[in-house]
Amino acid sequence: MVPLFARWMLVFEDPQSPVVWLAKGAPRAWLADAQRIDVDGAPTSWGRIGFSIDSHVGQGEVKANVRLPATPFAAVVKLRLRAPEGKRLQSVTVNGQAWKSFDATEE
């Protein structure tokens, strides 16, 4: 059961809709300053997916890199960043552009 729970913490396919959550259940402590989460080749119903998250919360930054298959990925991908130490997301940048469609309360 432990491997299944670990998978759900890191790569969770919503059974109700075509949505893949990344790091949805990752503990806040895993994003403490200088920590890294790295997932490579996790199988999903739409192909293998990977991602890495590097925490630099001491400098006010968390960087994530999502790796999708080369073929079209038909699911919506959502990344959850549960910042530690009572910190909240202030802004999001995707491919160098400000992303306004995020909800800080949803992390």
N, C-alpha and C. Protein backbone atom coordinates (compact mmCIF):
# COMPACT_ATOMS: atom_id res chain seq x y z
N MET A 1 0.80 -1.19 0.00
CA MET A 1 0.00 0.00 0.00
C MET A 1 0.85 1.27 0.00
N VAL A 2 2.01 1.23 0.64
CA VAL A 2 2.84 2.43 0.74
C VAL A 2 3.23 2.96 -0.64
N PRO A 3 3.68 2.11 -1.59
CA PRO A 3 4.00 2.66 -2.92
C PRO A 3 2.80 3.32 -3.59
N LEU A 4 1.62 2.76 -3.42
CA LEU A 4 0.43 3.34 -4.03
C LEU A 4 0.12 4.72 -3.41
N PHE A 5 0.24 4.83 -2.09
CA PHE A 5 0.00 6.11 -1.44
C PHE A 5 1.04 7.15 -1.87
N ALA A 6 2.29 6.73 -2.00
CA ALA A 6 3.35 7.64 -2.46
C ALA A 6 3.05 8.12 -3.87
N ARG A 7 2.59 7.23 -4.72
CA ARG A 7 2.24 7.62 -6.08
C ARG A 7 1.12 8.65 -6.06
N TRP A 8 0.07 8.40 -5.28
CA TRP A 8 -1.05 9.34 -5.21
C TRP A 8 -0.61 10.70 -4.67
N MET A 9 0.38 10.73 -3.78
CA MET A 9 0.89 12.00 -3.27
C MET A 9 1.55 12.80 -4.38
N LEU A 10 2.19 12.10 -5.32
CA LEU A 10 3.00 12.77 -6.33
C LEU A 10 2.33 12.87 -7.70
N VAL A 11 1.65 11.82 -8.14
CA VAL A 11 0.96 11.82 -9.44
C VAL A 11 -0.40 11.18 -9.22
N PHE A 12 -1.43 12.01 -9.27
CA PHE A 12 -2.78 11.53 -8.98
C PHE A 12 -3.70 11.79 -10.17
N GLU A 13 -4.31 10.74 -10.69
CA GLU A 13 -5.28 10.87 -11.77
C GLU A 13 -6.67 10.97 -11.16
N ASP A 14 -7.35 12.07 -11.46
CA ASP A 14 -8.70 12.27 -10.96
C ASP A 14 -9.61 11.23 -11.59
N PRO A 15 -10.31 10.41 -10.80
CA PRO A 15 -11.17 9.38 -11.37
C PRO A 15 -12.45 9.94 -12.02
N GLN A 16 -12.77 11.21 -11.75
CA GLN A 16 -14.00 11.82 -12.25
C GLN A 16 -13.81 12.62 -13.54
N SER A 17 -12.57 13.01 -13.85
CA SER A 17 -12.33 13.86 -15.01
C SER A 17 -10.90 13.65 -15.52
N PRO A 18 -10.61 14.08 -16.75
CA PRO A 18 -9.26 13.91 -17.29
C PRO A 18 -8.29 14.95 -16.74
N VAL A 19 -7.95 14.80 -15.47
CA VAL A 19 -7.04 15.72 -14.79
C VAL A 19 -5.96 14.90 -14.10
N VAL A 20 -4.71 15.32 -14.27
CA VAL A 20 -3.59 14.71 -13.56
C VAL A 20 -3.02 15.77 -12.63
N TRP A 21 -3.02 15.46 -11.34
CA TRP A 21 -2.45 16.35 -10.33
C TRP A 21 -1.01 15.94 -10.04
N LEU A 22 -0.13 16.90 -10.01
CA LEU A 22 1.27 16.66 -9.65
C LEU A 22 1.54 17.26 -8.27
N ALA A 23 2.15 16.47 -7.41
CA ALA A 23 2.53 16.88 -6.05
C ALA A 23 1.33 17.30 -5.20
N LYS A 24 0.16 16.81 -5.54
CA LYS A 24 -1.06 17.21 -4.82
C LYS A 24 -0.97 16.92 -3.33
N GLY A 25 -0.40 15.80 -2.96
CA GLY A 25 -0.33 15.43 -1.55
C GLY A 25 1.07 15.47 -0.97
N ALA A 26 2.00 16.10 -1.67
CA ALA A 26 3.37 16.17 -1.15
C ALA A 26 3.39 16.98 0.14
N PRO A 27 4.00 16.46 1.18
CA PRO A 27 4.04 17.19 2.45
C PRO A 27 4.77 18.53 2.31
N ARG A 28 4.33 19.52 3.05
CA ARG A 28 4.96 20.84 3.01
C ARG A 28 6.47 20.76 3.29
N ALA A 29 6.86 19.88 4.17
CA ALA A 29 8.28 19.75 4.53
C ALA A 29 9.14 19.38 3.32
N TRP A 30 8.54 18.72 2.34
CA TRP A 30 9.30 18.35 1.14
C TRP A 30 9.67 19.56 0.30
N LEU A 31 9.03 20.71 0.57
CA LEU A 31 9.36 21.93 -0.15
C LEU A 31 10.07 22.95 0.74
N ALA A 32 10.69 22.47 1.82
CA ALA A 32 11.52 23.35 2.64
C ALA A 32 12.69 23.83 1.79
N ASP A 33 13.30 24.91 2.21
CA ASP A 33 14.40 25.50 1.45
C ASP A 33 15.46 24.46 1.09
N ALA A 34 15.88 24.47 -0.17
CA ALA A 34 16.94 23.63 -0.73
C ALA A 34 16.51 22.18 -0.97
N GLN A 35 15.23 21.87 -0.82
CA GLN A 35 14.74 20.51 -1.09
C GLN A 35 14.35 20.37 -2.56
N ARG A 36 14.33 19.11 -3.01
CA ARG A 36 13.98 18.83 -4.40
C ARG A 36 13.08 17.60 -4.45
N ILE A 37 12.06 17.68 -5.28
CA ILE A 37 11.21 16.53 -5.60
C ILE A 37 11.44 16.25 -7.08
N ASP A 38 11.70 14.99 -7.41
CA ASP A 38 11.95 14.63 -8.81
C ASP A 38 11.23 13.33 -9.13
N VAL A 39 10.35 13.38 -10.13
CA VAL A 39 9.60 12.21 -10.58
C VAL A 39 9.87 12.06 -12.07
N ASP A 40 10.22 10.86 -12.49
CA ASP A 40 10.54 10.65 -13.90
C ASP A 40 9.80 9.43 -14.43
N GLY A 41 9.11 9.60 -15.55
CA GLY A 41 8.48 8.48 -16.23
C GLY A 41 7.32 7.84 -15.50
N ALA A 42 6.57 8.62 -14.74
CA ALA A 42 5.42 8.07 -14.02
C ALA A 42 4.30 7.75 -15.02
N PRO A 43 3.79 6.52 -15.02
CA PRO A 43 2.74 6.17 -15.98
C PRO A 43 1.41 6.81 -15.62
N THR A 44 0.71 7.30 -16.65
CA THR A 44 -0.66 7.79 -16.50
C THR A 44 -1.47 7.20 -17.65
N SER A 45 -2.76 7.41 -17.63
CA SER A 45 -3.62 6.92 -18.70
C SER A 45 -3.32 7.60 -20.03
N TRP A 46 -2.60 8.72 -20.02
CA TRP A 46 -2.33 9.48 -21.24
C TRP A 46 -0.86 9.43 -21.63
N GLY A 47 -0.08 8.65 -20.96
CA GLY A 47 1.35 8.55 -21.24
C GLY A 47 2.17 8.84 -20.00
N ARG A 48 3.46 8.67 -20.13
CA ARG A 48 4.36 8.90 -18.99
C ARG A 48 4.61 10.39 -18.80
N ILE A 49 4.77 10.76 -17.54
CA ILE A 49 4.93 12.16 -17.18
C ILE A 49 6.04 12.27 -16.14
N GLY A 50 6.67 13.40 -16.10
CA GLY A 50 7.70 13.63 -15.10
C GLY A 50 7.67 15.08 -14.66
N PHE A 51 8.28 15.34 -13.53
CA PHE A 51 8.40 16.72 -13.07
C PHE A 51 9.47 16.81 -12.00
N SER A 52 9.98 18.01 -11.84
CA SER A 52 10.90 18.29 -10.74
C SER A 52 10.49 19.61 -10.11
N ILE A 53 10.68 19.70 -8.82
CA ILE A 53 10.40 20.92 -8.07
C ILE A 53 11.63 21.21 -7.23
N ASP A 54 12.17 22.41 -7.38
CA ASP A 54 13.32 22.85 -6.60
C ASP A 54 12.89 24.01 -5.73
N SER A 55 13.06 23.85 -4.42
CA SER A 55 12.63 24.87 -3.49
C SER A 55 13.79 25.79 -3.12
N HIS A 56 13.52 27.06 -3.26
CA HIS A 56 14.43 28.12 -2.82
C HIS A 56 13.57 29.13 -2.04
N VAL A 57 12.74 28.61 -1.12
CA VAL A 57 11.82 29.49 -0.41
C VAL A 57 12.57 30.53 0.42
N GLY A 58 13.80 30.24 0.78
CA GLY A 58 14.61 31.24 1.49
C GLY A 58 14.82 32.49 0.66
N GLN A 59 14.81 32.33 -0.66
CA GLN A 59 14.92 33.47 -1.58
C GLN A 59 13.56 33.83 -2.18
N GLY A 60 12.49 33.20 -1.68
CA GLY A 60 11.14 33.52 -2.14
C GLY A 60 10.79 32.90 -3.48
N GLU A 61 11.35 31.71 -3.76
CA GLU A 61 11.12 31.11 -5.08
C GLU A 61 11.05 29.59 -5.00
N VAL A 62 10.13 29.03 -5.78
CA VAL A 62 10.05 27.59 -5.99
C VAL A 62 9.94 27.40 -7.50
N LYS A 63 10.83 26.58 -8.06
CA LYS A 63 10.82 26.35 -9.51
C LYS A 63 10.37 24.93 -9.79
N ALA A 64 9.52 24.80 -10.81
CA ALA A 64 9.04 23.48 -11.21
C ALA A 64 9.23 23.32 -12.71
N ASN A 65 9.53 22.10 -13.11
CA ASN A 65 9.67 21.75 -14.52
C ASN A 65 8.82 20.51 -14.76
N VAL A 66 7.83 20.61 -15.63
CA VAL A 66 6.94 19.49 -15.94
C VAL A 66 7.33 18.93 -17.29
N ARG A 67 7.46 17.60 -17.35
CA ARG A 67 7.85 16.92 -18.59
C ARG A 67 6.69 16.04 -19.05
N LEU A 68 6.12 16.41 -20.21
CA LEU A 68 5.01 15.66 -20.81
C LEU A 68 5.51 14.84 -21.97
N PRO A 69 4.76 13.82 -22.40
CA PRO A 69 5.16 13.03 -23.56
C PRO A 69 5.18 13.89 -24.82
N ALA A 70 5.93 13.45 -25.83
CA ALA A 70 6.00 14.17 -27.10
C ALA A 70 4.66 14.17 -27.83
N THR A 71 3.89 13.11 -27.63
CA THR A 71 2.56 13.03 -28.24
C THR A 71 1.60 13.92 -27.45
N PRO A 72 0.50 14.36 -28.06
CA PRO A 72 -0.44 15.23 -27.33
C PRO A 72 -0.91 14.57 -26.03
N PHE A 73 -0.94 15.34 -24.98
CA PHE A 73 -1.36 14.88 -23.65
C PHE A 73 -2.78 15.38 -23.45
N ALA A 74 -3.75 14.48 -23.49
CA ALA A 74 -5.17 14.85 -23.52
C ALA A 74 -5.76 15.22 -22.17
N ALA A 75 -5.00 15.13 -21.12
CA ALA A 75 -5.51 15.49 -19.79
C ALA A 75 -5.03 16.88 -19.39
N VAL A 76 -5.77 17.50 -18.50
CA VAL A 76 -5.34 18.75 -17.89
C VAL A 76 -4.32 18.40 -16.81
N VAL A 77 -3.23 19.14 -16.76
CA VAL A 77 -2.20 18.92 -15.75
C VAL A 77 -2.25 20.07 -14.75
N LYS A 78 -2.36 19.72 -13.47
CA LYS A 78 -2.38 20.71 -12.41
C LYS A 78 -1.24 20.41 -11.45
N LEU A 79 -0.49 21.44 -11.11
CA LEU A 79 0.63 21.32 -10.19
C LEU A 79 0.26 22.03 -8.89
N ARG A 80 0.43 21.33 -7.78
CA ARG A 80 0.13 21.92 -6.48
C ARG A 80 1.44 22.12 -5.73
N LEU A 81 1.67 23.34 -5.30
CA LEU A 81 2.87 23.67 -4.54
C LEU A 81 2.45 24.08 -3.14
N ARG A 82 2.67 23.19 -2.21
CA ARG A 82 2.28 23.41 -0.81
C ARG A 82 3.48 24.02 -0.07
N ALA A 83 3.59 25.33 -0.14
CA ALA A 83 4.74 26.02 0.44
C ALA A 83 4.82 25.79 1.95
N PRO A 84 6.03 25.61 2.45
CA PRO A 84 6.20 25.38 3.89
C PRO A 84 6.23 26.69 4.68
N GLU A 85 6.27 26.55 5.98
CA GLU A 85 6.51 27.65 6.90
C GLU A 85 5.49 28.78 6.79
N GLY A 86 4.24 28.44 6.45
CA GLY A 86 3.18 29.44 6.37
C GLY A 86 3.28 30.39 5.19
N LYS A 87 4.15 30.11 4.25
CA LYS A 87 4.30 30.97 3.07
C LYS A 87 3.18 30.67 2.08
N ARG A 88 2.87 31.64 1.21
CA ARG A 88 1.84 31.51 0.18
C ARG A 88 2.41 31.92 -1.16
N LEU A 89 1.89 31.33 -2.21
CA LEU A 89 2.26 31.74 -3.56
C LEU A 89 1.82 33.18 -3.78
N GLN A 90 2.69 33.97 -4.36
CA GLN A 90 2.37 35.36 -4.67
C GLN A 90 2.16 35.57 -6.16
N SER A 91 2.92 34.79 -6.96
CA SER A 91 2.81 34.91 -8.41
C SER A 91 3.30 33.61 -9.04
N VAL A 92 2.90 33.42 -10.30
CA VAL A 92 3.30 32.23 -11.05
C VAL A 92 3.78 32.69 -12.42
N THR A 93 4.88 32.09 -12.87
CA THR A 93 5.41 32.35 -14.20
C THR A 93 5.47 31.04 -14.95
N VAL A 94 4.92 31.00 -16.16
CA VAL A 94 4.94 29.80 -17.00
C VAL A 94 5.62 30.15 -18.31
N ASN A 95 6.70 29.45 -18.61
CA ASN A 95 7.46 29.71 -19.84
C ASN A 95 7.82 31.19 -19.97
N GLY A 96 8.21 31.81 -18.87
CA GLY A 96 8.66 33.20 -18.89
C GLY A 96 7.55 34.24 -18.88
N GLN A 97 6.29 33.81 -18.85
CA GLN A 97 5.16 34.74 -18.88
C GLN A 97 4.37 34.65 -17.57
N ALA A 98 3.92 35.80 -17.09
CA ALA A 98 3.09 35.82 -15.88
C ALA A 98 1.82 35.02 -16.12
N TRP A 99 1.47 34.17 -15.17
CA TRP A 99 0.26 33.35 -15.25
C TRP A 99 -0.71 33.86 -14.21
N LYS A 100 -1.81 34.42 -14.66
CA LYS A 100 -2.78 35.04 -13.74
C LYS A 100 -3.87 34.06 -13.29
N SER A 101 -3.99 32.92 -13.94
CA SER A 101 -5.06 31.97 -13.65
C SER A 101 -4.67 30.99 -12.56
N PHE A 102 -4.17 31.50 -11.45
CA PHE A 102 -3.87 30.62 -10.34
C PHE A 102 -4.58 31.14 -9.11
N ASP A 103 -4.83 30.23 -8.19
CA ASP A 103 -5.52 30.57 -6.96
C ASP A 103 -4.59 30.24 -5.80
N ALA A 104 -4.05 31.25 -5.15
CA ALA A 104 -3.10 31.04 -4.07
C ALA A 104 -3.68 30.20 -2.94
N THR A 105 -5.01 30.27 -2.73
CA THR A 105 -5.61 29.49 -1.66
C THR A 105 -5.64 28.00 -2.01
N GLU A 106 -5.59 27.68 -3.29
CA GLU A 106 -5.57 26.27 -3.74
C GLU A 106 -4.14 25.73 -3.78
N GLU A 107 -3.16 26.61 -3.66
CA GLU A 107 -1.75 26.26 -3.72
C GLU A 107 -1.40 25.66 -5.05
